[in-house]
N, C-alpha and C. Protein backbone atom coordinates (compact mmCIF):
# COMPACT_ATOMS: atom_id res chain seq x y z
N MET A 1 -22.63 -25.81 -58.65
CA MET A 1 -22.28 -26.55 -57.23
C MET A 1 -23.09 -27.80 -57.23
N GLY A 2 -24.26 -27.83 -57.55
CA GLY A 2 -25.12 -29.10 -57.59
C GLY A 2 -24.71 -30.05 -58.30
N ILE A 3 -23.96 -29.81 -59.51
CA ILE A 3 -23.22 -31.04 -60.33
C ILE A 3 -22.25 -31.45 -59.35
N PHE A 4 -21.25 -30.64 -58.70
CA PHE A 4 -20.22 -30.97 -58.04
C PHE A 4 -20.75 -32.08 -56.74
N LEU A 5 -21.72 -31.62 -56.16
CA LEU A 5 -22.35 -32.39 -55.02
C LEU A 5 -22.83 -33.56 -55.49
N ARG A 6 -23.37 -33.64 -56.62
CA ARG A 6 -23.80 -35.06 -56.85
C ARG A 6 -22.79 -35.95 -57.13
N GLN A 7 -21.49 -35.49 -57.45
CA GLN A 7 -20.33 -36.58 -57.47
C GLN A 7 -20.52 -37.55 -56.21
N PHE A 8 -20.93 -37.16 -55.12
CA PHE A 8 -20.79 -37.75 -54.01
C PHE A 8 -22.02 -38.68 -53.76
N ARG A 9 -23.05 -38.34 -54.40
CA ARG A 9 -24.18 -39.45 -54.42
C ARG A 9 -24.63 -39.53 -52.96
N ALA A 10 -24.83 -38.71 -52.14
CA ALA A 10 -25.01 -38.87 -50.77
C ALA A 10 -26.02 -37.84 -50.21
N SER A 11 -26.42 -37.96 -48.98
CA SER A 11 -27.40 -37.01 -48.40
C SER A 11 -26.55 -35.91 -47.73
N ASN A 12 -27.41 -34.79 -47.49
CA ASN A 12 -26.68 -33.70 -46.61
C ASN A 12 -25.90 -34.05 -45.54
N ASP A 13 -26.10 -35.19 -44.91
CA ASP A 13 -25.09 -35.39 -43.55
C ASP A 13 -23.80 -35.68 -44.39
N ALA A 14 -23.56 -36.14 -45.42
CA ALA A 14 -22.43 -36.43 -46.23
C ALA A 14 -21.78 -35.39 -46.69
N TYR A 15 -22.56 -34.23 -46.83
CA TYR A 15 -21.99 -32.89 -47.57
C TYR A 15 -21.46 -32.37 -46.05
N ASP A 16 -22.05 -32.56 -44.85
CA ASP A 16 -21.32 -32.00 -43.67
C ASP A 16 -19.97 -32.77 -43.51
N GLU A 17 -19.79 -34.10 -43.87
CA GLU A 17 -18.59 -34.52 -43.51
C GLU A 17 -17.68 -33.94 -44.70
N LEU A 18 -18.20 -33.78 -45.97
CA LEU A 18 -17.36 -33.03 -46.86
C LEU A 18 -16.75 -31.82 -46.44
N VAL A 19 -17.59 -31.09 -45.86
CA VAL A 19 -17.03 -29.73 -45.30
C VAL A 19 -16.13 -30.04 -44.20
N GLY A 20 -16.14 -31.07 -43.42
CA GLY A 20 -15.21 -31.26 -42.14
C GLY A 20 -13.87 -31.74 -43.11
N ARG A 21 -13.85 -32.42 -44.04
CA ARG A 21 -12.65 -33.03 -44.56
C ARG A 21 -11.96 -31.65 -45.37
N LEU A 22 -12.84 -30.78 -45.86
CA LEU A 22 -12.08 -29.59 -46.54
C LEU A 22 -11.57 -28.68 -45.62
N ARG A 23 -12.33 -28.66 -44.36
CA ARG A 23 -11.80 -27.70 -43.19
C ARG A 23 -10.38 -28.26 -42.68
N ALA A 24 -10.27 -29.67 -42.67
CA ALA A 24 -9.30 -30.45 -42.19
C ALA A 24 -8.05 -30.50 -43.36
N ALA A 25 -8.23 -29.95 -44.47
CA ALA A 25 -7.34 -29.89 -45.40
C ALA A 25 -7.02 -31.55 -45.95
N ASP A 26 -8.00 -32.39 -45.92
CA ASP A 26 -7.93 -33.86 -46.23
C ASP A 26 -7.93 -34.00 -47.65
N SER A 27 -7.14 -33.26 -48.51
CA SER A 27 -7.16 -33.57 -50.00
C SER A 27 -7.09 -34.82 -50.41
N GLU A 28 -6.58 -35.84 -49.85
CA GLU A 28 -6.30 -37.06 -50.43
C GLU A 28 -7.59 -37.83 -50.54
N SER A 29 -8.85 -37.70 -49.35
CA SER A 29 -9.91 -38.37 -49.41
C SER A 29 -10.97 -37.82 -50.41
N ILE A 30 -10.57 -36.42 -51.10
CA ILE A 30 -11.27 -35.82 -51.82
C ILE A 30 -10.90 -36.08 -53.35
N GLY A 31 -9.57 -35.64 -53.44
CA GLY A 31 -8.92 -36.05 -54.92
C GLY A 31 -8.73 -34.71 -55.44
N ALA A 32 -7.75 -34.61 -56.16
CA ALA A 32 -7.26 -33.42 -56.89
C ALA A 32 -8.28 -32.89 -57.94
N GLU A 33 -9.02 -33.72 -58.68
CA GLU A 33 -9.78 -33.46 -59.71
C GLU A 33 -11.23 -32.84 -59.08
N ARG A 34 -11.57 -33.39 -58.05
CA ARG A 34 -12.81 -32.96 -57.42
C ARG A 34 -12.37 -31.65 -56.79
N LEU A 35 -11.27 -31.40 -56.21
CA LEU A 35 -11.09 -30.12 -55.60
C LEU A 35 -10.86 -29.16 -56.60
N ARG A 36 -10.42 -29.33 -57.99
CA ARG A 36 -10.40 -28.48 -58.98
C ARG A 36 -11.87 -28.10 -59.41
N ALA A 37 -12.85 -29.10 -59.54
CA ALA A 37 -14.08 -28.84 -59.83
C ALA A 37 -14.84 -27.97 -58.83
N LEU A 38 -14.54 -28.19 -57.50
CA LEU A 38 -14.87 -27.36 -56.32
C LEU A 38 -14.65 -25.91 -56.72
N LEU A 39 -13.32 -25.69 -56.83
CA LEU A 39 -13.03 -24.32 -57.11
C LEU A 39 -13.60 -23.42 -58.40
N LYS A 40 -14.14 -24.43 -59.37
CA LYS A 40 -14.74 -23.73 -60.48
C LYS A 40 -16.18 -23.46 -60.10
N SER A 41 -16.85 -24.29 -59.21
CA SER A 41 -18.04 -24.36 -58.75
C SER A 41 -18.39 -23.29 -57.72
N LEU A 42 -17.46 -22.88 -57.02
CA LEU A 42 -17.67 -22.00 -55.86
C LEU A 42 -18.69 -20.74 -56.18
N PRO A 43 -19.48 -20.43 -55.46
CA PRO A 43 -20.07 -19.08 -55.83
C PRO A 43 -19.41 -17.72 -55.67
N ASP A 44 -19.69 -16.76 -56.52
CA ASP A 44 -19.01 -15.39 -56.44
C ASP A 44 -19.33 -14.74 -55.33
N ASP A 45 -18.90 -13.70 -54.86
CA ASP A 45 -18.87 -12.81 -53.73
C ASP A 45 -20.28 -12.48 -53.57
N ASP A 46 -21.01 -12.09 -54.55
CA ASP A 46 -22.47 -11.56 -54.51
C ASP A 46 -23.41 -12.82 -54.18
N GLU A 47 -22.99 -14.01 -54.77
CA GLU A 47 -23.91 -15.17 -54.40
C GLU A 47 -23.65 -15.47 -53.08
N MET A 48 -22.59 -15.61 -52.73
CA MET A 48 -22.26 -15.96 -51.46
C MET A 48 -22.79 -14.99 -50.15
N LYS A 49 -22.84 -13.66 -50.64
CA LYS A 49 -23.43 -12.91 -49.59
C LYS A 49 -24.84 -13.03 -49.33
N GLN A 50 -25.61 -13.61 -50.61
CA GLN A 50 -26.91 -13.82 -50.53
C GLN A 50 -27.08 -15.18 -49.67
N VAL A 51 -26.23 -16.06 -49.96
CA VAL A 51 -26.57 -17.40 -49.18
C VAL A 51 -26.15 -17.30 -47.76
N LEU A 52 -25.16 -16.50 -47.30
CA LEU A 52 -24.79 -16.00 -45.88
C LEU A 52 -25.93 -15.26 -45.28
N GLY A 53 -26.49 -14.39 -46.07
CA GLY A 53 -27.65 -13.30 -45.63
C GLY A 53 -28.95 -13.96 -45.26
N TYR A 54 -29.18 -15.26 -45.72
CA TYR A 54 -30.33 -15.97 -45.74
C TYR A 54 -30.62 -16.08 -44.09
N SER A 55 -31.80 -15.75 -43.66
CA SER A 55 -32.21 -15.92 -42.37
C SER A 55 -33.39 -16.60 -42.11
N GLY A 56 -33.92 -17.37 -43.05
CA GLY A 56 -35.09 -18.19 -42.93
C GLY A 56 -34.72 -19.46 -42.65
N ASP A 57 -35.61 -20.52 -42.44
CA ASP A 57 -35.58 -21.92 -42.34
C ASP A 57 -34.38 -22.42 -43.08
N PRO A 58 -33.49 -22.74 -42.49
CA PRO A 58 -32.24 -23.51 -43.19
C PRO A 58 -32.70 -24.85 -43.92
N GLY A 59 -33.78 -25.42 -43.32
CA GLY A 59 -34.43 -26.52 -44.11
C GLY A 59 -34.86 -26.37 -45.44
N ARG A 60 -35.35 -25.12 -45.77
CA ARG A 60 -35.83 -24.72 -46.97
C ARG A 60 -34.60 -24.56 -48.05
N LEU A 61 -33.20 -24.42 -47.51
CA LEU A 61 -32.20 -24.19 -48.57
C LEU A 61 -32.00 -25.49 -49.39
N GLY A 62 -31.49 -25.41 -50.66
CA GLY A 62 -31.15 -26.47 -51.54
C GLY A 62 -29.79 -27.04 -50.86
N ALA A 63 -29.48 -28.15 -51.48
CA ALA A 63 -27.98 -28.86 -51.19
C ALA A 63 -27.07 -28.12 -51.34
N ALA A 64 -27.02 -27.28 -52.42
CA ALA A 64 -25.76 -26.54 -52.96
C ALA A 64 -25.69 -25.21 -51.88
N GLU A 65 -26.84 -24.55 -51.71
CA GLU A 65 -26.72 -23.37 -50.78
C GLU A 65 -26.51 -23.81 -49.26
N LYS A 66 -27.05 -24.86 -48.72
CA LYS A 66 -26.64 -25.46 -47.49
C LYS A 66 -25.15 -25.61 -47.56
N PHE A 67 -24.73 -26.29 -48.68
CA PHE A 67 -23.10 -26.72 -48.55
C PHE A 67 -22.31 -25.43 -48.55
N CYS A 68 -22.52 -24.52 -49.33
CA CYS A 68 -21.95 -23.22 -49.34
C CYS A 68 -22.20 -22.43 -48.16
N ARG A 69 -23.18 -22.44 -47.46
CA ARG A 69 -23.31 -21.67 -46.23
C ARG A 69 -22.40 -22.26 -45.25
N ASP A 70 -22.55 -23.60 -45.15
CA ASP A 70 -21.68 -24.50 -44.09
C ASP A 70 -20.20 -24.39 -44.30
N LEU A 71 -19.85 -24.62 -45.50
CA LEU A 71 -18.39 -24.24 -45.88
C LEU A 71 -17.81 -22.87 -45.51
N ALA A 72 -18.65 -21.90 -45.91
CA ALA A 72 -18.19 -20.66 -45.58
C ALA A 72 -17.99 -20.33 -44.02
N ALA A 73 -19.13 -21.00 -43.23
CA ALA A 73 -19.06 -20.81 -41.86
C ALA A 73 -18.05 -21.76 -41.16
N ALA A 74 -17.49 -22.66 -41.83
CA ALA A 74 -16.26 -23.62 -41.28
C ALA A 74 -15.02 -23.23 -41.50
N LEU A 75 -14.79 -22.46 -42.53
CA LEU A 75 -13.36 -22.12 -42.92
C LEU A 75 -13.19 -20.66 -42.35
N PRO A 76 -11.87 -20.64 -41.92
CA PRO A 76 -11.42 -19.36 -41.39
C PRO A 76 -11.71 -18.26 -42.17
N LYS A 77 -11.82 -17.07 -41.63
CA LYS A 77 -11.93 -15.65 -42.22
C LYS A 77 -10.66 -15.31 -42.98
């Protein structure tokens, strides 16, 4: 996931924007190749449960963990 996020060469605020574009299904601005890379990079169920179960300071999360947590929270269940 970290490698995927480095493609955007941006701060955590830009990752928030990326989550918004994914939620809006704005695939044109992201690109098909990046979407394929995202699908390959997504954490499995156990990893996602760990990220979502984290109850500590969100500022201590790495970019990949924060992105996955925010993406999971933004998408419909």
